[in-house]
Amino acid sequence: PEIAKTNRDVVLGIMLDEKFITKAEYDKAIKEPIKLAKSAKTEVNRNKKFPFFVDYVLAEVDKKYPDIDLARGGYRVETTLDPKVQAIIDAEIENTIRRYRRLRVTTAAFLVVDKSGRIVGMCGGGDYEKNQFNVASQGRRQPGSSFKPFVYAAGFETGALSPNGSVSNDPYYIKVGGRRKKVSGGGSGGRVSVSSALAQSINSPAMWAIEEVGARNVVKYAKSTFGFTSELPAVPSLALGTGEVSMLEMAGGYSVFQSGGDRYTPYGIVRIVGPDGTTLARAAGQKFNRVMSTASATGMDALLRNVVTSGTARSASYVVNARGKTGTTNSHKDAWFCGYTDQFIGIGWIGNDVPNPSGNPPFVSGTMAGVFGGEVTAPMWARIMSKVQDIYPEPRRQIRAIGRVIEDPDEEEEEEDTTHIDADDNDRTTPENTDPVVAPRINEGNPESGTTGSTGGGDGGLTVEPVKDPPSNDPPKTKPKDPPAQGGGDGGGDLISVEVCADSNARASVYCPERRRIKVPRDQAPRGRCPLHGPH
C-alpha cells in the first residue's frame, strides 16, 4: 500500500503541474485512502508432467488457501507424490486400457496412498488430452460390492453380526412396479458364513446383513467411522454399493481396516513456499484415533484376506500381504478393486467413457462388455502394487484368516457360471414407490442414478515438487447335516468320497472357501454344483 500511495501522489503532482486537474481536485484526491483492487486469479498453465495429480493439487490450494494466487509465479508446492510410483500407475493404466479395449474399456483410474494417508500416486483417467475429468478426486461412482465391507463392519460394531458368525441366505425380494423381484446372487436358503458371503460376494446375505444392522445405521457408520462425506441413500440396496462415492473416500474408509481401527485422511500437499522463501502453509492428513474397535477392524481385515486367497480376488493373491474387495456395478459400468497391503492402500477403477452427443459434459458413462472387478481390475491392482513392492519391499507375514482358506483348489472342477452381477438394472426402484411387506420380505431398492462429470481444461506452469471382539447375536453355527440323497436306489452300493461345500452341502466348486469330505453311497452322491459360490 505504501508503494502504491507514493506512486499515486507522484502521478497526481504531474497532473496538477500539467493542469490536467485543479488545485482543489488535487487536494481532494491526495487525501483519499488507498484502496487496492483484488485482481482476479488467472488460470495457471497446465502443461505439466503429472496432469491429474497436479489438477488435484491446484484444486486443493484453491479450496483450502484462497488467498494464495499461484498464477503470480514464484511459488513452490511440495507434495506427497512419488514419481516412481506414479510412473508405474501411468504405464499400467495405459496397458490395461489397451489390453481390454475389445471389452469397451476406455478409461481407468488408480490411487495409491501410504499407511499414513500420503497420496504417492494418482491417475484420474485414461487420455488426459481427451478428457481432463479426474475420476480419482472429482468422480462420484457406484462402488458395487466393494462397499460391502462397510456394511458388515457396521454389523460387527453394533453386535448384529460377527466375523465368525453367519448370515441368512434366504431369497431377498424388492418391489419393482408392484411386482416382486428376487435379488440376484445367492438366495438358496439357510445360512452362510460371513466369511463365505464376503469372499464370494454373495448378494442376498449382504441384503439380509443390512436388514440386521439397519440402513440408517450403515449410513451413520459410513460417515462417522469411515469418513464418507457423499450423500448415501439409507436403503437396503446400499449394501450392493448403489450410493455414489469417491475413490479418495474409499481409500480413507479402507484405512480403518488396514490400521486396525484408526482412519487416515488422504492428502497430497506438504508445504507451500512463497516467492520470498517463506512458508505460507503446511498441510498433512488427519488421523482419527480408534474410530472402530480393534476386534471389528482386525476381523474385517481377516475376512478381506480371504477374498484374496479364496474369493473373487484370487488374481491378486501373489501381492505380499494383500487384502481387499472387488466390485462390479449394473450393466458393467464400473469395475473396482479396493485393497491394501501393510504399507499401501490401492484403489482401482475401470470404466468406459462415451462421447456425449450434447457435448455437456463431453463424456458420459457407457457399459463395458462383461468386465468384472475380480477379472480385470484386481489383476491391474496386483500388477501395480507388486511393482510398488519391488521398490518398497515389505516382509511377508501370516495374516489371520477366518474359515478354511483353500490356497490350491482342485483343478478338476468344472468351470462355473460367470454371469453374476451385483445388482440388476431392473432390481432398482425409488424408495418413495416401495412398500415393505412380510413373508417373504420385500424392501425398497434404490433410484437409478448415472454417474457423469463435466471435464475441465486449461493451462498452467506450476511445478509440483514431490517430497520425499464385539458381541454377536448370530445363532450358534451347527455342523451341517450330510447332503440328502439325490439319486435313486435304496442307499446301497459302494461308498465313495465326495467333497461338498460346507455352506450349501452341494458338490463343492473351485470357488467354495470351506469344504469337507463325506462318504456316501454312490447312488446317493450329490450331483449339482454349489449354487452359492462363483467368480462374481
Protein backbone atom coordinates (compact mmCIF):
# COMPACT_ATOMS: atom_id res chain seq x y z
CA PRO A 1 0.00 0.00 0.00
CA GLU A 2 2.83 2.46 0.76
CA ILE A 3 4.40 1.98 -2.66
CA ALA A 4 1.01 2.41 -4.28
CA LYS A 5 0.42 5.65 -2.30
CA THR A 6 3.77 7.07 -3.37
CA ASN A 7 3.09 6.25 -6.99
CA ARG A 8 -0.37 7.81 -6.71
CA ASP A 9 0.98 11.03 -5.25
CA VAL A 10 3.64 11.38 -7.96
CA VAL A 11 1.04 10.92 -10.69
CA LEU A 12 -1.30 13.47 -9.08
CA GLY A 13 1.56 16.01 -8.83
CA ILE A 14 2.32 15.61 -12.52
CA MET A 15 -1.35 16.01 -13.40
CA LEU A 16 -1.51 19.24 -11.35
CA ASP A 17 1.65 20.64 -12.95
CA GLU A 18 0.33 19.90 -16.41
CA LYS A 19 -3.03 21.48 -15.47
CA PHE A 20 -4.98 18.25 -16.06
CA ILE A 21 -6.64 18.82 -12.66
CA THR A 22 -7.27 21.85 -10.48
CA LYS A 23 -5.66 22.53 -7.10
CA ALA A 24 -8.98 21.68 -5.37
CA GLU A 25 -9.18 18.33 -7.22
CA TYR A 26 -5.58 17.60 -6.31
CA ASP A 27 -6.17 18.36 -2.62
CA LYS A 28 -9.21 16.12 -2.56
CA ALA A 29 -7.53 13.24 -4.36
CA ILE A 30 -4.37 13.38 -2.27
CA LYS A 31 -6.45 12.82 0.89
CA GLU A 32 -8.27 9.76 -0.48
CA PRO A 33 -7.27 6.48 1.29
CA ILE A 34 -5.58 3.85 -0.84
CA LYS A 35 -7.93 1.09 -1.98
CA LEU A 36 -6.23 -1.88 -3.58
CA ALA A 37 -8.40 -3.75 -6.01
CA LYS A 38 -8.17 -7.54 -5.66
CA SER A 39 -7.04 -8.86 -9.02
CA ALA A 40 -8.83 -11.86 -10.44
CA LYS A 41 -6.83 -15.08 -10.42
CA THR A 42 -5.55 -16.12 -13.79
CA GLU A 43 -5.50 -19.69 -14.96
CA VAL A 44 -2.26 -21.49 -14.26
CA ASN A 45 -0.56 -23.01 -17.29
CA ARG A 46 -1.31 -26.72 -17.07
CA ASN A 47 1.41 -28.10 -19.28
CA LYS A 48 2.54 -30.48 -16.58
CA LYS A 49 4.17 -33.85 -16.10
CA PHE A 50 1.63 -35.46 -13.78
CA PRO A 51 -1.56 -33.81 -15.04
CA PHE A 52 -4.25 -35.47 -12.93
CA PHE A 53 -2.31 -35.13 -9.69
CA VAL A 54 -1.36 -31.52 -10.45
CA ASP A 55 -5.01 -30.69 -11.17
CA TYR A 56 -5.89 -32.19 -7.80
CA VAL A 57 -3.20 -30.13 -6.05
CA LEU A 58 -4.29 -26.90 -7.75
CA ALA A 59 -7.90 -27.53 -6.74
CA GLU A 60 -6.82 -28.22 -3.14
CA VAL A 61 -4.80 -24.99 -3.00
CA ASP A 62 -7.71 -23.00 -4.40
CA LYS A 63 -10.15 -24.59 -1.93
CA LYS A 64 -8.05 -24.52 1.23
CA TYR A 65 -5.85 -21.47 0.62
CA PRO A 66 -7.91 -18.96 -1.39
CA ASP A 67 -5.53 -16.09 -0.64
CA ILE A 68 -2.63 -17.81 -2.41
CA ASP A 69 -2.57 -16.96 -6.12
CA LEU A 70 -0.17 -19.40 -7.75
CA ALA A 71 -0.60 -17.69 -11.12
CA ARG A 72 1.55 -14.78 -9.95
CA GLY A 73 4.54 -17.12 -10.09
CA GLY A 74 7.41 -17.88 -7.78
CA TYR A 75 5.57 -20.30 -5.53
CA ARG A 76 6.76 -23.79 -4.69
CA VAL A 77 4.30 -26.51 -3.71
CA GLU A 78 5.85 -29.52 -2.03
CA THR A 79 3.71 -32.64 -2.38
CA THR A 80 3.49 -36.27 -1.35
CA LEU A 81 3.80 -37.59 -4.92
CA ASP A 82 6.36 -40.33 -5.56
CA PRO A 83 7.39 -40.12 -9.25
CA LYS A 84 8.48 -43.77 -9.31
CA VAL A 85 5.07 -44.95 -8.09
CA GLN A 86 3.33 -42.55 -10.48
CA ALA A 87 5.26 -43.94 -13.43
CA ILE A 88 4.14 -47.47 -12.51
CA ILE A 89 0.49 -46.38 -12.33
CA ASP A 90 0.56 -44.46 -15.62
CA ALA A 91 2.16 -47.34 -17.51
CA GLU A 92 -0.26 -49.95 -16.15
CA ILE A 93 -3.34 -47.78 -16.79
CA GLU A 94 -2.27 -47.47 -20.43
CA ASN A 95 -1.53 -51.19 -20.62
CA THR A 96 -4.91 -52.17 -19.09
CA ILE A 97 -6.92 -49.95 -21.44
CA ARG A 98 -5.05 -51.34 -24.44
CA ARG A 99 -5.45 -54.94 -23.23
CA TYR A 100 -9.22 -54.73 -22.64
CA ARG A 101 -10.30 -52.23 -25.28
CA ARG A 102 -12.15 -55.04 -27.05
CA LEU A 103 -14.39 -55.20 -23.94
CA ARG A 104 -15.11 -51.48 -24.26
CA VAL A 105 -12.66 -50.45 -21.55
CA THR A 106 -11.64 -46.91 -22.47
CA THR A 107 -10.62 -45.40 -19.14
CA ALA A 108 -9.28 -46.34 -15.75
CA ALA A 109 -8.20 -44.61 -12.56
CA PHE A 110 -5.89 -45.57 -9.73
CA LEU A 111 -4.91 -44.17 -6.36
CA VAL A 112 -2.03 -45.26 -4.12
CA VAL A 113 -1.96 -43.95 -0.55
CA ASP A 114 0.59 -44.92 2.08
CA LYS A 115 -0.42 -46.07 5.54
CA SER A 116 -0.23 -42.52 6.94
CA GLY A 117 -2.52 -41.04 4.26
CA ARG A 118 0.11 -39.62 1.87
CA ILE A 119 -1.03 -39.83 -1.76
CA VAL A 120 2.03 -41.22 -3.52
CA GLY A 121 0.37 -41.82 -6.89
CA MET A 122 -2.81 -40.75 -8.67
CA CYS A 123 -4.14 -41.24 -12.18
CA GLY A 124 -7.65 -39.93 -12.78
CA GLY A 125 -8.37 -41.32 -16.22
CA GLY A 126 -7.04 -42.65 -19.50
CA ASP A 127 -6.13 -40.00 -22.08
CA TYR A 128 -5.79 -36.59 -20.36
CA GLU A 129 -5.70 -34.77 -23.70
CA LYS A 130 -9.19 -36.07 -24.48
CA ASN A 131 -10.79 -35.95 -21.05
CA GLN A 132 -9.41 -33.99 -18.10
CA PHE A 133 -12.07 -35.10 -15.63
CA ASN A 134 -10.27 -36.64 -12.64
CA VAL A 135 -12.22 -39.70 -11.53
CA ALA A 136 -9.83 -40.24 -8.62
CA SER A 137 -10.53 -36.87 -6.97
CA GLN A 138 -13.66 -35.46 -8.63
CA GLY A 139 -15.66 -38.52 -9.60
CA ARG A 140 -18.57 -40.00 -7.71
CA ARG A 141 -19.12 -43.58 -8.77
CA GLN A 142 -21.18 -46.51 -7.50
CA PRO A 143 -18.70 -48.88 -5.78
CA GLY A 144 -20.75 -52.05 -6.12
CA SER A 145 -19.69 -54.87 -3.80
CA SER A 146 -16.53 -53.05 -2.73
CA PHE A 147 -18.87 -51.21 -0.32
CA LYS A 148 -19.97 -54.44 1.40
CA PRO A 149 -17.12 -54.42 3.97
CA PHE A 150 -18.55 -51.22 5.46
CA VAL A 151 -21.96 -52.86 5.85
CA TYR A 152 -20.61 -55.96 7.57
CA ALA A 153 -18.20 -53.93 9.73
CA ALA A 154 -21.10 -51.76 10.94
CA GLY A 155 -22.79 -55.01 11.92
CA PHE A 156 -19.73 -56.07 13.90
CA GLU A 157 -19.74 -52.77 15.78
CA THR A 158 -23.44 -52.93 16.63
CA GLY A 159 -23.29 -56.61 17.57
CA ALA A 160 -25.80 -57.57 14.89
CA LEU A 161 -23.14 -59.64 13.10
CA SER A 162 -19.85 -61.32 13.93
CA PRO A 163 -16.79 -62.02 11.76
CA ASN A 164 -17.01 -65.68 12.79
CA GLY A 165 -20.78 -65.82 12.52
CA SER A 166 -23.31 -66.45 9.79
CA VAL A 167 -25.99 -64.56 7.93
CA SER A 168 -29.21 -65.54 6.18
CA ASN A 169 -29.05 -66.71 2.60
CA ASP A 170 -32.80 -66.74 2.11
CA PRO A 171 -34.12 -65.11 -1.06
CA TYR A 172 -34.38 -61.32 -0.77
CA TYR A 173 -37.04 -59.51 -2.77
CA ILE A 174 -37.52 -55.93 -3.79
CA LYS A 175 -40.63 -54.40 -5.25
CA VAL A 176 -40.48 -53.15 -8.83
CA GLY A 177 -43.58 -51.68 -10.42
CA GLY A 178 -45.85 -53.53 -8.00
CA ARG A 179 -44.12 -56.87 -8.61
CA ARG A 180 -41.67 -58.79 -6.50
CA LYS A 181 -38.22 -59.33 -7.96
CA LYS A 182 -35.57 -61.53 -6.40
CA VAL A 183 -32.14 -60.02 -5.85
CA SER A 184 -29.64 -61.98 -7.93
CA GLY A 185 -26.73 -63.76 -6.31
CA GLY A 186 -27.39 -66.34 -3.60
CA GLY A 187 -30.83 -66.77 -2.07
CA SER A 188 -30.85 -70.58 -1.97
CA GLY A 189 -31.95 -70.64 1.66
CA GLY A 190 -30.42 -71.43 5.02
CA ARG A 191 -27.45 -69.54 6.40
CA VAL A 192 -23.98 -68.89 5.08
CA SER A 193 -20.85 -67.86 6.94
CA VAL A 194 -19.99 -64.17 6.87
CA SER A 195 -16.59 -65.24 5.58
CA SER A 196 -18.06 -67.01 2.55
CA ALA A 197 -20.66 -64.32 1.93
CA LEU A 198 -17.98 -61.64 1.68
CA ALA A 199 -15.25 -63.69 -0.01
CA GLN A 200 -17.62 -64.86 -2.75
CA SER A 201 -19.54 -61.56 -2.85
CA ILE A 202 -22.97 -63.19 -2.47
CA ASN A 203 -25.65 -60.55 -2.72
CA SER A 204 -28.59 -61.98 -0.77
CA PRO A 205 -26.64 -62.28 2.51
CA ALA A 206 -25.47 -58.68 2.09
CA MET A 207 -29.10 -57.57 1.81
CA TRP A 208 -30.02 -59.51 4.95
CA ALA A 209 -26.95 -58.09 6.68
CA ILE A 210 -28.07 -54.50 6.12
CA GLU A 211 -31.53 -55.60 7.22
CA GLU A 212 -30.00 -56.78 10.52
CA VAL A 213 -27.87 -53.66 11.00
CA GLY A 214 -30.32 -51.09 9.66
CA ALA A 215 -29.69 -48.95 6.59
CA ARG A 216 -29.63 -45.75 8.66
CA ASN A 217 -27.03 -47.26 10.96
CA VAL A 218 -24.88 -48.20 7.97
CA VAL A 219 -25.04 -44.62 6.70
CA LYS A 220 -24.17 -43.33 10.17
CA TYR A 221 -21.12 -45.57 10.44
CA ALA A 222 -20.11 -44.78 6.84
CA LYS A 223 -19.91 -41.10 7.77
CA SER A 224 -18.68 -41.13 11.36
CA THR A 225 -16.38 -44.14 11.28
CA PHE A 226 -15.24 -44.40 7.67
CA GLY A 227 -15.28 -40.70 6.78
CA PHE A 228 -17.66 -40.63 3.81
CA THR A 229 -18.99 -37.16 3.00
CA SER A 230 -21.02 -38.12 -0.09
CA GLU A 231 -24.77 -38.38 0.29
CA LEU A 232 -25.66 -42.04 0.77
CA PRO A 233 -29.20 -43.42 0.44
CA ALA A 234 -30.42 -45.11 3.63
CA VAL A 235 -31.99 -48.02 1.73
CA PRO A 236 -31.15 -51.76 1.68
CA SER A 237 -29.65 -51.61 -1.81
CA LEU A 238 -26.82 -49.55 -0.32
CA ALA A 239 -25.40 -52.95 0.68
CA LEU A 240 -24.76 -53.57 -3.03
CA GLY A 241 -22.97 -50.24 -3.43
CA THR A 242 -25.69 -48.15 -5.05
CA GLY A 243 -24.58 -44.93 -3.36
CA GLU A 244 -22.07 -42.79 -5.24
CA VAL A 245 -18.70 -42.21 -3.57
CA SER A 246 -15.20 -41.02 -4.46
CA MET A 247 -12.02 -43.03 -4.70
CA LEU A 248 -10.47 -40.80 -2.03
CA GLU A 249 -13.36 -41.68 0.30
CA MET A 250 -12.85 -45.38 -0.37
CA ALA A 251 -9.14 -45.05 0.45
CA GLY A 252 -9.93 -43.34 3.74
CA GLY A 253 -12.54 -45.96 4.58
CA TYR A 254 -10.26 -48.93 3.89
CA SER A 255 -7.51 -47.32 6.01
CA VAL A 256 -9.64 -48.25 9.06
CA PHE A 257 -9.21 -51.95 8.27
CA GLN A 258 -5.54 -51.59 7.38
CA SER A 259 -4.65 -49.72 10.58
CA GLY A 260 -6.69 -51.83 12.99
CA GLY A 261 -9.26 -49.17 13.83
CA ASP A 262 -7.79 -45.72 13.05
CA ARG A 263 -8.70 -43.63 10.00
CA TYR A 264 -6.26 -41.64 7.90
CA THR A 265 -7.46 -38.91 5.53
CA PRO A 266 -5.62 -38.95 2.19
CA TYR A 267 -3.68 -35.77 1.39
CA GLY A 268 -1.32 -34.53 -1.31
CA ILE A 269 0.15 -31.19 -0.15
CA VAL A 270 3.01 -30.98 2.35
CA ARG A 271 4.07 -27.31 2.20
CA ILE A 272 3.57 -24.15 0.14
CA VAL A 273 6.53 -21.75 -0.08
CA GLY A 274 6.08 -18.16 -1.25
CA PRO A 275 8.23 -16.23 -3.75
CA ASP A 276 10.32 -14.79 -0.90
CA GLY A 277 11.07 -18.22 0.54
CA THR A 278 8.71 -18.04 3.48
CA THR A 279 6.45 -20.97 4.30
CA LEU A 280 2.88 -19.89 3.64
CA ALA A 281 1.15 -23.13 4.57
CA ARG A 282 1.87 -26.57 5.92
CA ALA A 283 -0.55 -29.44 5.41
CA ALA A 284 -0.95 -33.01 6.50
CA GLY A 285 -3.64 -35.62 6.60
CA GLN A 286 -5.76 -36.13 9.65
CA LYS A 287 -5.59 -39.21 11.81
CA PHE A 288 -8.77 -40.14 13.65
CA ASN A 289 -7.93 -42.48 16.51
CA ARG A 290 -9.99 -45.55 17.36
CA VAL A 291 -12.95 -44.88 15.11
CA MET A 292 -13.62 -48.63 15.22
CA SER A 293 -12.87 -51.29 17.79
CA THR A 294 -9.73 -53.31 17.19
CA ALA A 295 -11.77 -56.53 17.21
CA SER A 296 -14.08 -55.35 14.42
CA ALA A 297 -11.28 -53.88 12.31
CA THR A 298 -8.99 -56.90 12.57
CA GLY A 299 -11.95 -59.21 11.99
CA MET A 300 -12.71 -57.45 8.72
CA ASP A 301 -9.01 -57.43 7.86
CA ALA A 302 -9.01 -61.24 8.12
CA LEU A 303 -12.16 -61.50 6.01
CA LEU A 304 -10.65 -59.29 3.30
CA ARG A 305 -7.62 -61.57 3.27
CA ASN A 306 -10.00 -64.44 2.47
CA VAL A 307 -11.30 -62.50 -0.54
CA VAL A 308 -7.78 -62.55 -1.97
CA THR A 309 -6.77 -66.09 -1.01
CA SER A 310 -10.02 -67.93 -1.76
CA GLY A 311 -12.57 -65.48 -3.11
CA THR A 312 -13.26 -63.19 -6.04
CA ALA A 313 -9.81 -61.52 -5.98
CA ARG A 314 -7.54 -64.54 -6.15
CA SER A 315 -5.79 -62.93 -9.12
CA ALA A 316 -4.20 -60.55 -6.59
CA SER A 317 -3.06 -63.26 -4.18
CA TYR A 318 0.60 -63.06 -5.21
CA VAL A 319 0.90 -59.50 -3.85
CA VAL A 320 2.57 -59.67 -0.44
CA ASN A 321 0.04 -59.27 2.42
CA ALA A 322 -2.79 -58.32 0.05
CA ARG A 323 -6.35 -57.82 1.30
CA GLY A 324 -9.32 -56.22 -0.44
CA LYS A 325 -12.73 -56.42 -2.10
CA THR A 326 -13.97 -56.49 -5.67
CA GLY A 327 -16.98 -54.60 -7.00
CA THR A 328 -18.95 -54.59 -10.26
CA THR A 329 -21.97 -52.37 -10.87
CA ASN A 330 -25.08 -52.56 -13.02
CA SER A 331 -24.54 -53.14 -16.73
CA HIS A 332 -20.80 -53.29 -16.06
CA LYS A 333 -20.42 -49.52 -15.90
CA ASP A 334 -17.90 -49.73 -13.06
CA ALA A 335 -15.37 -52.39 -12.09
CA TRP A 336 -13.47 -51.89 -8.82
CA PHE A 337 -10.88 -53.43 -6.63
CA CYS A 338 -10.18 -51.70 -3.33
CA GLY A 339 -7.32 -53.27 -1.44
CA TYR A 340 -4.24 -52.76 0.65
CA THR A 341 -1.03 -54.25 1.93
CA ASP A 342 0.67 -53.43 5.23
CA GLN A 343 2.25 -50.31 3.72
CA PHE A 344 -0.04 -49.04 0.96
CA ILE A 345 -3.70 -48.74 0.01
CA GLY A 346 -4.58 -49.09 -3.67
CA ILE A 347 -7.96 -48.12 -5.11
CA GLY A 348 -8.55 -49.22 -8.70
CA TRP A 349 -11.46 -48.41 -11.01
CA ILE A 350 -12.17 -49.23 -14.65
CA GLY A 351 -14.90 -47.82 -16.90
CA ASN A 352 -15.99 -46.75 -20.36
CA ASP A 353 -16.07 -43.09 -21.39
CA VAL A 354 -18.59 -42.48 -24.17
CA PRO A 355 -18.72 -39.15 -26.08
CA ASN A 356 -21.80 -37.19 -25.16
CA PRO A 357 -23.76 -36.00 -28.25
CA SER A 358 -24.83 -32.86 -26.41
CA GLY A 359 -21.24 -32.03 -25.54
CA ASN A 360 -22.01 -31.06 -21.95
CA PRO A 361 -20.36 -32.88 -20.32
CA PRO A 362 -18.12 -34.11 -23.13
CA PHE A 363 -18.25 -37.71 -21.88
CA VAL A 364 -20.78 -39.91 -20.10
CA SER A 365 -20.54 -43.41 -18.64
CA GLY A 366 -21.05 -46.29 -21.02
CA THR A 367 -21.28 -50.03 -20.41
CA MET A 368 -18.43 -52.49 -20.73
CA ALA A 369 -18.69 -55.98 -22.17
CA GLY A 370 -18.78 -58.33 -19.21
CA VAL A 371 -15.95 -56.68 -17.28
CA PHE A 372 -15.79 -57.73 -13.60
CA GLY A 373 -13.74 -56.23 -10.82
CA GLY A 374 -12.25 -59.60 -9.95
CA GLU A 375 -11.26 -60.41 -13.53
CA VAL A 376 -9.90 -57.08 -14.79
CA THR A 377 -9.43 -54.53 -12.00
CA ALA A 378 -7.93 -56.88 -9.42
CA PRO A 379 -5.22 -58.06 -11.87
CA MET A 380 -4.45 -54.42 -12.72
CA TRP A 381 -4.23 -53.66 -9.00
CA ALA A 382 -1.91 -56.60 -8.47
CA ARG A 383 0.44 -55.58 -11.27
CA ILE A 384 0.69 -52.05 -9.89
CA MET A 385 1.05 -52.98 -6.24
CA SER A 386 3.59 -55.76 -6.87
CA LYS A 387 5.80 -53.29 -8.75
CA VAL A 388 5.42 -50.79 -5.93
CA GLN A 389 6.59 -53.54 -3.59
CA ASP A 390 9.61 -54.09 -5.82
CA ILE A 391 10.62 -50.53 -4.92
CA TYR A 392 9.42 -50.61 -1.33
CA PRO A 393 9.54 -54.25 -0.16
CA GLU A 394 7.55 -55.37 2.82
CA PRO A 395 8.07 -58.65 4.69
CA ARG A 396 5.54 -61.37 4.07
CA ARG A 397 3.69 -62.35 7.22
CA GLN A 398 0.97 -64.75 8.22
CA ILE A 399 -2.36 -62.92 8.27
CA ARG A 400 -5.10 -64.43 10.38
CA ALA A 401 -7.82 -66.00 8.30
CA ILE A 402 -11.42 -66.73 9.24
CA GLY A 403 -12.75 -70.03 7.99
CA ARG A 404 -10.85 -72.53 5.91
CA VAL A 405 -8.83 -70.93 3.11
CA ILE A 406 -8.27 -73.04 0.01
CA GLU A 407 -4.97 -71.82 -1.46
CA ASP A 408 -4.69 -74.52 -4.15
CA PRO A 409 -8.14 -75.71 -5.27
CA ASP A 410 -8.55 -78.87 -7.29
CA GLU A 411 -8.05 -78.25 -10.99
CA GLU A 412 -10.59 -80.89 -11.98
CA GLU A 413 -13.57 -78.77 -11.03
CA GLU A 414 -15.95 -77.61 -13.71
CA GLU A 415 -15.94 -74.01 -14.84
CA GLU A 416 -18.74 -72.16 -13.09
CA ASP A 417 -21.20 -69.63 -14.44
CA THR A 418 -19.59 -66.18 -14.54
CA THR A 419 -22.67 -64.13 -15.21
CA HIS A 420 -23.12 -62.90 -11.63
CA ILE A 421 -23.51 -59.18 -11.11
CA ASP A 422 -24.01 -57.04 -8.04
CA ALA A 423 -27.45 -55.78 -8.96
CA ASP A 424 -29.71 -55.77 -11.96
CA ASP A 425 -30.93 -52.52 -13.51
CA ASN A 426 -34.46 -53.82 -13.14
CA ASP A 427 -33.90 -54.51 -9.45
CA ARG A 428 -33.96 -50.81 -8.66
CA THR A 429 -36.93 -48.76 -7.70
CA THR A 430 -37.33 -45.46 -5.94
CA PRO A 431 -37.83 -45.62 -2.18
CA GLU A 432 -40.95 -43.48 -2.50
CA ASN A 433 -42.67 -46.12 -4.61
CA THR A 434 -41.95 -49.14 -2.44
CA ASP A 435 -43.91 -50.78 0.31
CA PRO A 436 -42.15 -53.29 2.56
CA VAL A 437 -44.27 -56.38 3.11
CA VAL A 438 -43.81 -59.51 5.13
CA ALA A 439 -43.35 -63.20 4.17
CA PRO A 440 -41.42 -63.04 2.01
CA ARG A 441 -39.69 -59.79 2.92
CA ILE A 442 -39.77 -57.09 0.26
CA ASN A 443 -37.79 -53.89 0.60
CA GLU A 444 -37.12 -50.81 -1.37
CA GLY A 445 -34.43 -50.68 -3.96
CA ASN A 446 -32.57 -47.57 -4.99
CA PRO A 447 -33.21 -44.98 -7.71
CA GLU A 448 -31.31 -45.45 -10.91
CA SER A 449 -28.53 -42.93 -10.96
CA GLY A 450 -25.92 -42.41 -13.61
CA THR A 451 -22.52 -41.03 -12.75
CA THR A 452 -21.22 -38.36 -15.05
CA GLY A 453 -18.88 -35.46 -14.62
CA SER A 454 -18.06 -32.35 -16.57
CA THR A 455 -14.48 -32.01 -17.70
CA GLY A 456 -12.17 -29.14 -17.04
CA GLY A 457 -9.36 -27.88 -19.21
CA GLY A 458 -6.98 -25.01 -19.04
CA ASP A 459 -3.31 -24.40 -18.83
CA GLY A 460 -0.58 -23.82 -16.03
CA GLY A 461 3.20 -23.52 -15.39
CA LEU A 462 3.23 -24.70 -11.81
CA THR A 463 5.97 -27.05 -10.78
CA VAL A 464 4.73 -29.54 -8.23
CA GLU A 465 7.65 -30.92 -6.24
CA PRO A 466 7.38 -34.37 -4.64
CA VAL A 467 8.71 -34.59 -1.08
CA LYS A 468 10.02 -37.44 -0.22
CA ASP A 469 -14.07 -58.58 19.76
CA PRO A 470 -17.65 -57.41 19.64
CA PRO A 471 -20.72 -59.31 20.92
CA SER A 472 -22.55 -61.48 18.41
CA ASN A 473 -26.28 -62.00 18.07
CA ASP A 474 -25.81 -64.71 15.46
CA PRO A 475 -27.34 -68.07 16.32
CA PRO A 476 -24.72 -70.73 17.01
CA LYS A 477 -23.43 -72.30 13.84
CA THR A 478 -24.19 -76.00 13.85
CA LYS A 479 -22.43 -78.66 11.90
CA PRO A 480 -24.30 -79.16 8.60
CA LYS A 481 -26.07 -82.41 8.07
CA ASP A 482 -24.91 -84.72 5.36
CA PRO A 483 -26.47 -83.90 1.99
CA PRO A 484 -29.73 -85.72 1.28
CA ALA A 485 -29.78 -88.44 -1.30
CA GLN A 486 -30.27 -87.06 -4.79
CA GLY A 487 -30.03 -90.30 -6.74
CA GLY A 488 -32.33 -93.25 -6.93
CA GLY A 489 -31.93 -96.67 -5.29
CA ASP A 490 -32.15 -97.91 -1.76
CA GLY A 491 -28.96 -96.36 -0.49
CA GLY A 492 -26.87 -99.43 -1.22
CA GLY A 493 -23.79 -99.69 -3.34
CA ASP A 494 -20.16 -98.80 -2.83
CA LEU A 495 -19.27 -95.82 -0.66
CA ILE A 496 -17.49 -93.00 -2.42
CA SER A 497 -15.76 -89.92 -1.07
CA VAL A 498 -17.25 -86.61 -2.22
CA GLU A 499 -16.09 -83.10 -1.45
CA VAL A 500 -19.01 -80.83 -0.60
CA CYS A 501 -19.35 -77.16 0.25
CA ALA A 502 -19.61 -76.59 4.00
CA ASP A 503 -22.25 -73.89 3.40
CA SER A 504 -24.58 -75.44 0.80
CA ASN A 505 -23.85 -79.19 1.18
CA ALA A 506 -23.80 -79.40 -2.62
CA ARG A 507 -20.82 -80.72 -4.56
CA ALA A 508 -18.03 -78.18 -3.98
CA SER A 509 -16.82 -75.98 -6.80
CA VAL A 510 -13.41 -74.40 -7.22
CA TYR A 511 -14.79 -71.24 -5.62
CA CYS A 512 -16.06 -72.74 -2.35
CA PRO A 513 -13.88 -71.41 0.50
CA GLU A 514 -14.87 -74.08 3.04
CA ARG A 515 -15.14 -77.73 2.08
CA ARG A 516 -15.45 -81.12 3.73
CA ARG A 517 -15.25 -84.69 2.53
CA ILE A 518 -18.09 -87.11 3.15
CA LYS A 519 -18.60 -90.76 2.31
CA VAL A 520 -21.95 -91.67 0.79
CA PRO A 521 -23.36 -94.49 -1.30
CA ARG A 522 -22.56 -93.91 -4.95
CA ASP A 523 -26.22 -93.61 -5.95
CA GLN A 524 -26.84 -91.00 -3.20
CA ALA A 525 -23.93 -88.70 -4.02
CA PRO A 526 -24.91 -85.04 -4.62
CA ARG A 527 -24.89 -84.22 -8.30
CA GLY A 528 -25.39 -80.49 -8.53
CA ARG A 529 -22.60 -77.98 -8.08
CA CYS A 530 -22.68 -75.45 -5.23
CA PRO A 531 -25.09 -72.61 -6.11
CA LEU A 532 -23.62 -70.16 -3.58
CA HIS A 533 -20.09 -69.60 -4.77
CA GLY A 534 -18.81 -68.37 -8.09
CA PRO A 535 -16.43 -65.84 -9.69
CA HIS A 536 -18.55 -62.71 -9.19
